[in-house]
Protein backbone atom coordinates (compact mmCIF):
# COMPACT_ATOMS: atom_id res chain seq x y z
CA UNK A 1 -20.90 27.32 -52.51
CA UNK A 2 -18.04 28.88 -50.92
CA UNK A 3 -14.74 28.82 -52.91
CA UNK A 4 -11.48 27.22 -51.36
CA UNK A 5 -9.96 30.48 -50.84
CA UNK A 6 -13.12 31.91 -48.94
CA UNK A 7 -13.44 28.67 -46.83
CA UNK A 8 -9.67 29.25 -45.63
CA UNK A 9 -9.78 32.49 -44.95
CA UNK A 10 -12.83 31.70 -42.79
CA UNK A 11 -10.95 29.29 -41.12
CA UNK A 12 -8.09 31.67 -40.64
CA UNK A 13 -10.53 34.10 -38.82
CA UNK A 14 -12.62 31.48 -36.89
CA UNK A 15 -11.18 30.85 -32.85
CA UNK A 16 -13.86 28.71 -31.20
CA UNK A 17 -12.57 24.92 -31.99
CA UNK A 18 -15.89 23.39 -33.07
CA UNK A 19 -16.06 25.91 -35.34
CA UNK A 20 -12.30 25.76 -36.66
CA UNK A 21 -12.25 21.90 -36.38
CA UNK A 22 -15.24 21.53 -39.04
CA UNK A 23 -13.89 24.20 -41.50
CA UNK A 24 -10.18 22.33 -41.45
CA UNK A 25 -12.14 19.04 -41.65
CA UNK A 26 -14.50 20.28 -44.76
CA UNK A 27 -11.33 22.31 -46.73
CA UNK A 28 -9.54 19.44 -46.27
CA UNK A 29 -12.13 17.32 -48.25
CA UNK A 30 -12.26 19.41 -50.50
CA UNK A 31 -8.65 20.43 -51.48
CA UNK A 32 -4.94 19.24 -52.86
CA UNK A 33 -3.90 22.64 -51.96
CA UNK A 34 -0.18 21.72 -50.42
CA UNK A 35 -0.91 25.48 -48.70
CA UNK A 36 -4.72 25.07 -47.48
CA UNK A 37 -3.36 21.16 -46.46
CA UNK A 38 -0.84 21.68 -44.78
CA UNK A 39 -3.35 24.89 -42.42
CA UNK A 40 -5.55 22.46 -41.90
CA UNK A 41 -3.33 19.63 -40.42
CA UNK A 42 -2.25 22.01 -37.99
CA UNK A 43 -5.26 23.49 -36.91
CA UNK A 44 -6.67 19.94 -36.35
CA UNK A 45 -3.57 19.10 -34.51
CA UNK A 46 -4.18 21.87 -32.25
CA UNK A 47 -4.42 21.02 -28.83
CA UNK A 48 -8.21 22.50 -28.08
CA UNK A 49 -9.11 21.33 -31.51
CA UNK A 50 -7.89 17.90 -31.55
CA UNK A 51 -9.75 17.41 -28.58
CA UNK A 52 -12.92 18.29 -30.36
CA UNK A 53 -12.74 15.23 -32.78
CA UNK A 54 -14.73 11.92 -32.34
CA UNK A 55 -15.72 8.84 -34.24
CA UNK A 56 -17.62 10.54 -36.13
CA UNK A 57 -14.85 13.03 -37.93
CA UNK A 58 -12.97 9.78 -39.38
CA UNK A 59 -14.26 9.47 -42.92
CA UNK A 60 -12.67 12.56 -43.80
CA UNK A 61 -8.92 11.92 -42.63
CA UNK A 62 -9.00 7.53 -43.59
CA UNK A 63 -10.32 8.76 -46.93
CA UNK A 64 -7.91 11.34 -47.68
CA UNK A 65 -5.33 9.40 -46.02
CA UNK A 66 -6.36 6.41 -47.70
CA UNK A 67 -5.85 8.77 -51.08
CA UNK A 68 -2.02 9.37 -50.23
CA UNK A 69 -1.56 6.28 -49.74
CA UNK A 70 -2.61 5.43 -53.13
CA UNK A 71 -0.87 7.99 -54.98
CA UNK A 72 2.37 8.81 -53.26
CA UNK A 73 3.54 10.78 -55.10
CA UNK A 74 1.33 13.59 -54.38
CA UNK A 75 3.15 12.87 -50.58
CA UNK A 76 6.68 13.49 -51.28
CA UNK A 77 8.21 12.37 -47.46
CA UNK A 78 5.19 11.67 -46.47
CA UNK A 79 4.25 14.78 -44.06
CA UNK A 80 0.53 14.81 -45.08
CA UNK A 81 0.33 10.73 -44.34
CA UNK A 82 1.84 11.59 -41.31
CA UNK A 83 -0.11 14.60 -40.59
CA UNK A 84 -3.11 12.50 -41.17
CA UNK A 85 -2.15 9.51 -39.67
CA UNK A 86 -1.00 11.42 -36.33
CA UNK A 87 -4.99 12.11 -35.71
CA UNK A 88 -6.27 8.91 -36.74
CA UNK A 89 -4.44 7.92 -34.29
CA UNK A 90 -5.53 9.97 -31.61
CA UNK A 91 -8.96 8.74 -32.44
CA UNK A 92 -8.26 4.76 -31.39
CA UNK A 93 -10.33 3.64 -33.84
CA UNK A 94 -9.28 -0.24 -34.29
CA UNK A 95 -10.97 -0.29 -38.26
CA UNK A 96 -7.88 1.97 -39.15
CA UNK A 97 -5.17 -1.16 -38.58
CA UNK A 98 -5.17 -0.93 -42.49
CA UNK A 99 -3.60 2.54 -42.99
CA UNK A 100 -0.99 1.76 -39.87
CA UNK A 101 -0.10 -1.07 -42.05
CA UNK A 102 0.68 0.60 -44.78
CA UNK A 103 2.36 3.69 -42.93
CA UNK A 104 4.98 1.00 -41.38
CA UNK A 105 6.08 0.21 -44.59
CA UNK A 106 6.35 3.31 -46.49
CA UNK A 107 9.88 4.64 -47.23
CA UNK A 108 10.91 7.86 -49.42
CA UNK A 109 14.54 8.01 -50.01
CA UNK A 110 15.59 11.99 -51.56
CA UNK A 111 17.83 11.56 -53.16
CA UNK A 112 19.48 8.95 -51.13
CA UNK A 113 17.78 9.51 -47.14
CA UNK A 114 14.75 7.98 -46.48
CA UNK A 115 12.77 11.16 -45.22
CA UNK A 116 9.06 8.71 -43.91
CA UNK A 117 10.92 8.06 -40.42
CA UNK A 118 8.36 9.98 -38.44
CA UNK A 119 5.48 8.14 -40.75
CA UNK A 120 6.16 5.08 -40.19
CA UNK A 121 6.59 5.97 -36.04
CA UNK A 122 2.93 7.15 -35.66
CA UNK A 123 1.74 4.03 -37.43
CA UNK A 124 3.91 2.01 -35.38
CA UNK A 125 2.04 3.35 -32.07
CA UNK A 126 -1.07 3.29 -34.37
CA UNK A 127 -0.65 -0.24 -34.91
CA UNK A 128 0.85 -1.43 -31.53
CA UNK A 129 -2.62 -1.22 -29.71
CA UNK A 130 -4.43 -3.35 -32.06
CA UNK A 131 -1.86 -5.97 -33.60
CA UNK A 132 0.43 -5.91 -31.12
CA UNK A 133 2.60 -9.16 -31.89
CA UNK A 134 2.35 -7.87 -36.19
CA UNK A 135 3.51 -4.19 -33.98
CA UNK A 136 6.70 -5.89 -32.30
CA UNK A 137 7.62 -7.94 -35.51
CA UNK A 138 7.79 -3.90 -37.27
CA UNK A 139 9.42 -2.73 -33.66
CA UNK A 140 11.92 -5.35 -34.28
CA UNK A 141 12.78 -4.61 -37.86
CA UNK A 142 13.15 -0.93 -37.36
CA UNK A 143 15.70 -1.19 -34.43
CA UNK A 144 19.24 -0.29 -35.38
CA UNK A 145 17.76 -0.38 -39.11
CA UNK A 146 20.09 2.24 -41.29
CA UNK A 147 16.75 4.50 -42.13
CA UNK A 148 16.71 5.79 -38.72
CA UNK A 149 16.82 9.51 -38.53
CA UNK A 150 19.47 11.03 -36.74
CA UNK A 151 17.53 14.38 -35.84
CA UNK A 152 15.11 12.39 -33.34
CA UNK A 153 15.85 8.51 -33.72
CA UNK A 154 12.61 7.54 -35.24
CA UNK A 155 11.32 5.50 -35.72
CA UNK A 156 13.56 3.04 -33.76
CA UNK A 157 12.44 5.36 -30.54
CA UNK A 158 8.70 3.91 -31.07
CA UNK A 159 9.91 0.68 -31.59
CA UNK A 160 11.27 0.55 -28.07
CA UNK A 161 8.45 1.73 -26.68
CA UNK A 162 6.12 -0.44 -28.21
CA UNK A 163 8.53 -3.24 -27.59
CA UNK A 164 8.89 -2.34 -23.56
CA UNK A 165 4.62 -2.08 -23.16
CA UNK A 166 4.13 -5.68 -25.18
CA UNK A 167 7.56 -7.04 -22.72
CA UNK A 168 9.45 -7.65 -25.32
CA UNK A 169 13.00 -6.71 -24.42
CA UNK A 170 14.66 -9.26 -26.50
CA UNK A 171 15.06 -7.38 -29.22
CA UNK A 172 16.34 -4.38 -26.96
CA UNK A 173 19.77 -6.20 -26.07
CA UNK A 174 20.21 -7.82 -29.25
CA UNK A 175 20.03 -4.26 -30.91
CA UNK A 176 22.52 -3.24 -28.07
CA UNK A 177 24.99 -5.88 -29.27
CA UNK A 178 25.06 -5.65 -33.06
CA UNK A 179 23.64 -2.63 -33.48
CA UNK A 180 24.09 0.31 -30.51
CA UNK A 181 27.51 1.60 -30.99
CA UNK A 182 27.19 2.24 -34.64
CA UNK A 183 23.95 3.94 -33.87
CA UNK A 184 26.31 5.81 -31.06
CA UNK A 185 29.06 6.87 -32.70
CA UNK A 186 26.82 8.32 -36.26
CA UNK A 187 25.21 10.91 -34.27
CA UNK A 188 21.77 8.66 -33.07
CA UNK A 189 23.01 7.97 -29.27
CA UNK A 190 19.90 9.03 -28.16
CA UNK A 191 18.45 5.82 -29.31
CA UNK A 192 21.51 3.37 -27.87
CA UNK A 193 20.43 5.48 -24.31
CA UNK A 194 16.85 4.55 -24.88
CA UNK A 195 17.69 0.97 -25.28
CA UNK A 196 20.10 1.22 -22.63
CA UNK A 197 17.80 2.49 -20.12
CA UNK A 198 14.79 0.38 -21.19
CA UNK A 199 16.17 -3.61 -19.98
CA UNK A 200 14.08 -4.73 -17.40
CA UNK A 201 15.67 -4.31 -14.15
CA UNK A 202 15.87 -7.58 -13.39
CA UNK A 203 18.24 -7.81 -16.28
CA UNK A 204 21.59 -10.18 -15.30
CA UNK A 205 24.02 -7.97 -13.86
CA UNK A 206 26.96 -9.55 -15.87
CA UNK A 207 25.37 -9.55 -18.80
CA UNK A 208 24.54 -5.68 -17.86
CA UNK A 209 28.12 -5.47 -17.36
CA UNK A 210 29.21 -6.74 -20.26
CA UNK A 211 27.34 -3.22 -21.95
CA UNK A 212 28.58 -1.09 -19.53
CA UNK A 213 31.97 -2.13 -20.30
CA UNK A 214 31.30 -2.41 -24.16
CA UNK A 215 29.54 1.34 -24.42
CA UNK A 216 31.98 2.19 -21.91
CA UNK A 217 34.78 2.16 -24.74
CA UNK A 218 33.33 4.67 -27.24
CA UNK A 219 32.65 7.10 -24.20
CA UNK A 220 29.23 8.03 -26.36
CA UNK A 221 27.50 10.53 -23.53
CA UNK A 222 23.85 10.28 -25.08
CA UNK A 223 24.25 6.36 -24.53
CA UNK A 224 25.99 6.67 -21.46
CA UNK A 225 23.64 8.53 -20.10
CA UNK A 226 21.14 5.27 -20.56
CA UNK A 227 23.33 3.38 -18.09
CA UNK A 228 23.14 5.71 -15.56
CA UNK A 229 19.52 5.93 -15.73
CA UNK A 230 19.49 2.07 -15.44
CA UNK A 231 21.76 1.55 -12.75
CA UNK A 232 20.19 4.66 -10.96
CA UNK A 233 16.60 4.12 -11.42
CA UNK A 234 16.82 0.13 -10.99
CA UNK A 235 19.04 0.49 -7.71
CA UNK A 236 21.20 -1.74 -9.25
CA UNK A 237 24.18 -1.64 -6.08
CA UNK A 238 26.26 -4.73 -7.69
CA UNK A 239 26.97 -2.08 -9.98
CA UNK A 240 27.25 0.69 -8.25
CA UNK A 241 31.64 0.94 -8.29
CA UNK A 242 30.47 0.40 -12.01
CA UNK A 243 28.54 3.70 -11.82
CA UNK A 244 31.37 5.52 -10.51
CA UNK A 245 33.93 4.24 -12.25
CA UNK A 246 32.21 5.14 -15.62
CA UNK A 247 31.44 8.96 -14.41
CA UNK A 248 34.94 9.53 -13.46
CA UNK A 249 36.08 8.14 -16.81
CA UNK A 250 34.42 10.34 -19.04
CA UNK A 251 36.09 12.63 -21.23
CA UNK A 252 32.99 14.46 -21.39
CA UNK A 253 32.67 16.85 -18.81
CA UNK A 254 28.51 17.78 -18.78
CA UNK A 255 28.10 14.08 -18.87
CA UNK A 256 30.04 13.91 -15.42
CA UNK A 257 28.27 16.49 -14.33
CA UNK A 258 24.66 14.37 -15.30
CA UNK A 259 26.18 11.22 -13.64
CA UNK A 260 26.78 13.13 -10.76
CA UNK A 261 23.36 15.51 -10.07
CA UNK A 262 21.96 12.36 -11.00
CA UNK A 263 23.57 10.27 -7.98
CA UNK A 264 23.01 12.95 -5.35
CA UNK A 265 19.43 13.39 -6.49
CA UNK A 266 18.57 9.97 -5.87
CA UNK A 267 18.67 10.07 -2.07
CA UNK A 268 20.17 6.69 -1.80
CA UNK A 269 22.61 6.43 0.91
CA UNK A 270 24.82 4.48 -0.78
CA UNK A 271 25.10 5.98 -3.75
CA UNK A 272 25.25 9.49 -1.74
CA UNK A 273 28.41 7.94 0.53
CA UNK A 274 30.19 6.78 -2.08
CA UNK A 275 29.96 10.27 -3.87
CA UNK A 276 31.53 12.02 -0.72
CA UNK A 277 34.16 9.95 -1.36
CA UNK A 278 34.70 10.54 -4.89
CA UNK A 279 34.77 13.94 -3.34
CA UNK A 280 37.47 13.59 -1.89
CA UNK A 281 39.84 12.98 -4.33
CA UNK A 282 38.17 14.89 -6.78
CA UNK A 283 40.68 16.22 -9.49
CA UNK A 284 40.58 20.28 -9.36
CA UNK A 285 38.94 21.40 -12.82
CA UNK A 286 35.74 18.70 -11.58
CA UNK A 287 35.52 20.60 -7.78
CA UNK A 288 32.41 22.28 -9.63
CA UNK A 289 30.88 19.73 -10.91
CA UNK A 290 31.17 17.98 -7.35
CA UNK A 291 30.10 21.20 -5.83
CA UNK A 292 26.76 21.49 -7.69
CA UNK A 293 25.79 17.75 -6.80
CA UNK A 294 26.32 17.65 -3.06
CA UNK A 295 24.70 20.54 -2.85
CA UNK A 296 21.46 18.95 -3.32
CA UNK A 297 23.05 15.80 -1.71
CA UNK A 298 20.84 14.47 1.24
CA UNK A 299 23.53 13.34 3.85
CA UNK A 300 24.40 15.29 6.98
CA UNK A 301 28.07 15.04 5.74
CA UNK A 302 27.60 16.98 2.91
CA UNK A 303 27.82 20.00 4.79
CA UNK A 304 31.09 18.73 5.60
CA UNK A 305 31.79 17.93 1.65
CA UNK A 306 31.08 20.98 0.62
CA UNK A 307 33.41 23.19 3.24
CA UNK A 308 36.49 21.29 1.75
CA UNK A 309 35.03 21.50 -1.95
CA UNK A 310 35.15 25.15 -1.70
CA UNK A 311 38.33 25.28 -0.18
CA UNK A 312 40.21 23.41 -2.47
CA UNK A 313 38.48 25.62 -5.02
CA UNK A 314 39.25 28.79 -3.67
């Protein structure tokens, strides 16, 4: 019987996906060495290797994962459980719901910040197709909870995707009313922006207009991008004037560039006409931004507008 070190060396030398898979699963079942475990999970998550996994490979993944849930001190931070759970989610077996339920309940404070957000996100993604009502309950809990990652906004980003997939958007609206501003102002504007662009496109215009005013006041770029995307993607013509005001009022130059380019790229006649009108009174410092946007505008009047902008810029 080869030693773990010999198995590890053989795994590192192997190139064929099926051989790498079998060696990684065999070593995974036998070892408690963090070095070996991390390498096994890394290899199993490689696209070519992961594509060879099927239901027959569940057992070692389940046993290892359940073992770490039973002894969480052996997996501080939940990174091993996250990797194992991710592989099980790939296999999409309904009998792994027990693991996903453990995952969505896992928090690990080290020393005060939670570092198990990605584990909860992966577990929620696995739970959603198996038990949608339960997944939506956890998704609602995750929206706006204080232990939302400042790096990738998980598990709340996954929570929004789960709620949208189940057509349960009321919790998203509630989050925007009660917690979205705080998230945007504490480095998690991506989450707020995702929520703002995830509401139904038949969402009442007056209520969305109220949200625009609420978030316009804080002028947080990644949050405001969600508003821009929602209005343009949904062709919400009643809010085009608000969109133009929002883009011109922001203090963030990159956000203004994004908004102008999105207006042009939409290839919507009304948006295009508004963009050309906005260009006529553009501030000198904004001329390069308007030139960049109008260069991709589809309307015939773009050439004349570009000529005027370039003349003003020179």
